Amino acid sequence: MDTRQQIIVSSRSLFAQNGRKKTSIDMIADTAQVSKGTIYNHFASKDEIFSEVVHYEGMLLFSAVDTAVRNVRGVREKLKAFVMTKIAKFKELANLYSISRSNFYEIQDSLVHEMRFLYERERLLLQEIMAEGVRRQEIAIANVEMVSTVLV
């Protein structure tokens, strides 16, 4: 694991326990076992670290959902895997979960961008599942894109 990744992974528990505001660069440096200078060589600010932590957790969530969906057959099973895995995994990802509960106006621009990115990946996966179901005539949906947008 490279230093940047070490800082991101080490920061997850700090942000989860203390929140973004109460977690300091000193705390992150201590937990990651690096100097503050090393932190600033890799990140411009604590908010950038937090944004990367949210990205990391989002990728963990998407990877788990994608794997669960790809490991089952049938559209109904895929839809069930999508929903159940997302629910189960989401609560494990404390930082991503806290962002989802935040007031929209409290979220910084970089996190809004990150959440849109994650949302779009999930929407496209769900759209793919539903389009497959329509092709196989397992489900009847007139507008797959709209339904996937509403469900995510």
Protein backbone atom coordinates (compact mmCIF):
# COMPACT_ATOMS: atom_id res chain seq x y z
CA MET A 1 0.00 0.00 0.00
CA ASP A 2 1.46 3.38 -0.95
CA THR A 3 1.59 6.31 1.48
CA ARG A 4 -1.42 8.10 -0.01
CA GLN A 5 -3.57 4.98 0.29
CA GLN A 6 -2.27 4.38 3.82
CA ILE A 7 -3.43 7.86 4.83
CA ILE A 8 -6.87 7.33 3.28
CA VAL A 9 -7.40 3.92 4.86
CA SER A 10 -6.10 5.08 8.25
CA SER A 11 -8.34 8.16 8.20
CA ARG A 12 -11.57 6.22 7.73
CA SER A 13 -11.97 5.24 11.37
CA LEU A 14 -11.02 8.72 12.61
CA PHE A 15 -13.62 10.43 10.45
CA ALA A 16 -16.19 7.78 11.39
CA GLN A 17 -15.55 8.24 15.13
CA ASN A 18 -15.00 11.99 15.29
CA GLY A 19 -16.64 13.41 12.20
CA ARG A 20 -15.00 15.59 9.59
CA LYS A 21 -14.87 18.73 11.72
CA LYS A 22 -13.36 17.16 14.86
CA THR A 23 -10.73 15.07 13.08
CA SER A 24 -7.42 16.91 12.87
CA ILE A 25 -4.43 16.55 10.57
CA ASP A 26 -2.38 15.65 13.67
CA MET A 27 -4.76 12.79 14.45
CA ILE A 28 -4.57 11.58 10.86
CA ALA A 29 -0.76 11.74 10.87
CA ASP A 30 -0.58 9.78 14.15
CA THR A 31 -2.98 7.09 12.94
CA ALA A 32 -1.30 6.75 9.54
CA GLN A 33 2.13 6.83 11.23
CA VAL A 34 3.42 9.59 8.96
CA SER A 35 4.44 13.19 9.53
CA LYS A 36 2.18 16.19 8.93
CA GLY A 37 4.53 17.17 6.12
CA THR A 38 3.92 13.82 4.45
CA ILE A 39 0.18 14.40 4.74
CA TYR A 40 0.53 17.78 3.02
CA ASN A 41 2.77 16.27 0.32
CA HIS A 42 -0.16 14.07 -0.67
CA PHE A 43 -3.20 16.22 0.18
CA ALA A 44 -3.92 19.95 0.15
CA SER A 45 -6.28 19.79 3.13
CA LYS A 46 -8.22 17.66 5.56
CA ASP A 47 -11.29 18.13 3.35
CA GLU A 48 -9.41 16.61 0.42
CA ILE A 49 -8.56 13.58 2.58
CA PHE A 50 -12.20 13.28 3.61
CA SER A 51 -13.29 13.50 -0.02
CA GLU A 52 -10.87 10.68 -0.88
CA VAL A 53 -12.18 8.61 2.04
CA VAL A 54 -15.73 9.05 0.73
CA HIS A 55 -14.54 8.06 -2.76
CA TYR A 56 -12.80 4.97 -1.32
CA GLU A 57 -15.91 3.93 0.59
CA GLY A 58 -18.08 4.58 -2.45
CA MET A 59 -15.87 2.29 -4.50
CA LEU A 60 -16.12 -0.39 -1.79
CA LEU A 61 -19.91 -0.07 -1.89
CA PHE A 62 -20.14 -0.19 -5.67
CA SER A 63 -17.72 -3.11 -5.88
CA ALA A 64 -19.75 -5.12 -3.35
CA VAL A 65 -23.03 -4.38 -5.14
CA ASP A 66 -21.57 -5.09 -8.57
CA THR A 67 -20.08 -8.40 -7.40
CA ALA A 68 -23.33 -9.47 -5.75
CA VAL A 69 -25.31 -8.66 -8.89
CA ARG A 70 -22.89 -10.47 -11.18
CA ASN A 71 -22.92 -13.60 -8.99
CA VAL A 72 -26.63 -14.34 -9.43
CA ARG A 73 -28.78 -15.23 -12.40
CA GLY A 74 -32.15 -13.80 -13.26
CA VAL A 75 -33.28 -10.23 -13.13
CA ARG A 76 -35.33 -10.53 -9.95
CA GLU A 77 -32.37 -12.08 -8.16
CA LYS A 78 -30.07 -9.35 -9.48
CA LEU A 79 -32.44 -6.62 -8.30
CA LYS A 80 -32.70 -8.26 -4.90
CA ALA A 81 -28.89 -8.59 -4.70
CA PHE A 82 -28.52 -4.93 -5.66
CA VAL A 83 -30.85 -3.71 -2.91
CA MET A 84 -29.86 -6.12 -0.14
CA THR A 85 -26.12 -5.68 -0.67
CA LYS A 86 -26.40 -1.92 -0.82
CA ILE A 87 -28.35 -1.84 2.45
CA ALA A 88 -26.00 -4.24 4.23
CA LYS A 89 -22.78 -2.64 3.03
CA PHE A 90 -23.90 0.99 3.31
CA LYS A 91 -24.13 0.92 7.09
CA GLU A 92 -20.58 -0.45 7.33
CA LEU A 93 -19.30 2.59 5.48
CA ALA A 94 -19.73 5.19 8.20
CA ASN A 95 -18.32 8.17 6.29
CA LEU A 96 -20.36 7.58 3.16
CA TYR A 97 -23.41 6.96 5.36
CA SER A 98 -22.86 10.24 7.24
CA ILE A 99 -22.71 12.17 3.95
CA SER A 100 -26.01 10.66 2.85
CA ARG A 101 -27.61 11.93 6.06
CA SER A 102 -26.03 15.40 5.84
CA ASN A 103 -27.84 18.55 4.99
CA PHE A 104 -27.13 19.14 1.30
CA TYR A 105 -25.92 22.67 2.02
CA GLU A 106 -23.28 21.40 4.45
CA ILE A 107 -21.61 19.22 1.83
CA GLN A 108 -18.61 20.76 0.08
CA ASP A 109 -18.47 20.89 -3.72
CA SER A 110 -15.94 18.05 -4.07
CA LEU A 111 -18.25 15.75 -2.12
CA VAL A 112 -21.26 16.72 -4.22
CA HIS A 113 -19.24 15.75 -7.29
CA GLU A 114 -18.21 12.47 -5.65
CA MET A 115 -21.76 11.59 -4.63
CA ARG A 116 -23.00 12.32 -8.16
CA PHE A 117 -20.30 10.04 -9.57
CA LEU A 118 -21.28 7.19 -7.23
CA TYR A 119 -24.97 7.76 -7.88
CA GLU A 120 -24.41 7.59 -11.65
CA ARG A 121 -22.48 4.30 -11.41
CA GLU A 122 -25.25 2.73 -9.36
CA ARG A 123 -27.91 4.09 -11.68
CA LEU A 124 -26.18 2.65 -14.73
CA LEU A 125 -25.81 -0.76 -13.07
CA LEU A 126 -29.49 -0.77 -12.13
CA GLN A 127 -30.43 0.38 -15.63
CA GLU A 128 -28.37 -2.49 -17.09
CA ILE A 129 -30.17 -5.02 -14.88
CA MET A 130 -33.60 -3.69 -15.79
CA ALA A 131 -32.80 -3.49 -19.52
CA GLU A 132 -31.75 -7.13 -19.37
CA GLY A 133 -35.04 -7.97 -17.67
CA VAL A 134 -37.02 -6.16 -20.36
CA ARG A 135 -35.08 -7.96 -23.13
CA ARG A 136 -35.73 -11.33 -21.47
CA GLN A 137 -39.36 -10.34 -20.86
CA GLU A 138 -38.94 -11.01 -17.13
CA ILE A 139 -40.13 -7.50 -16.24
CA ALA A 140 -42.14 -4.86 -18.05
CA ILE A 141 -40.80 -1.32 -17.74
CA ALA A 142 -41.62 1.30 -20.34
CA ASN A 143 -38.81 3.70 -19.44
CA VAL A 144 -35.82 1.90 -17.88
CA GLU A 145 -33.73 5.08 -17.62
CA MET A 146 -36.40 6.95 -15.69
CA VAL A 147 -37.13 4.04 -13.34
CA SER A 148 -33.42 3.51 -12.59
CA THR A 149 -33.08 7.22 -11.82
CA VAL A 150 -36.00 7.13 -9.41
CA LEU A 151 -34.86 3.96 -7.65
CA VAL A 152 -31.29 5.03 -7.00
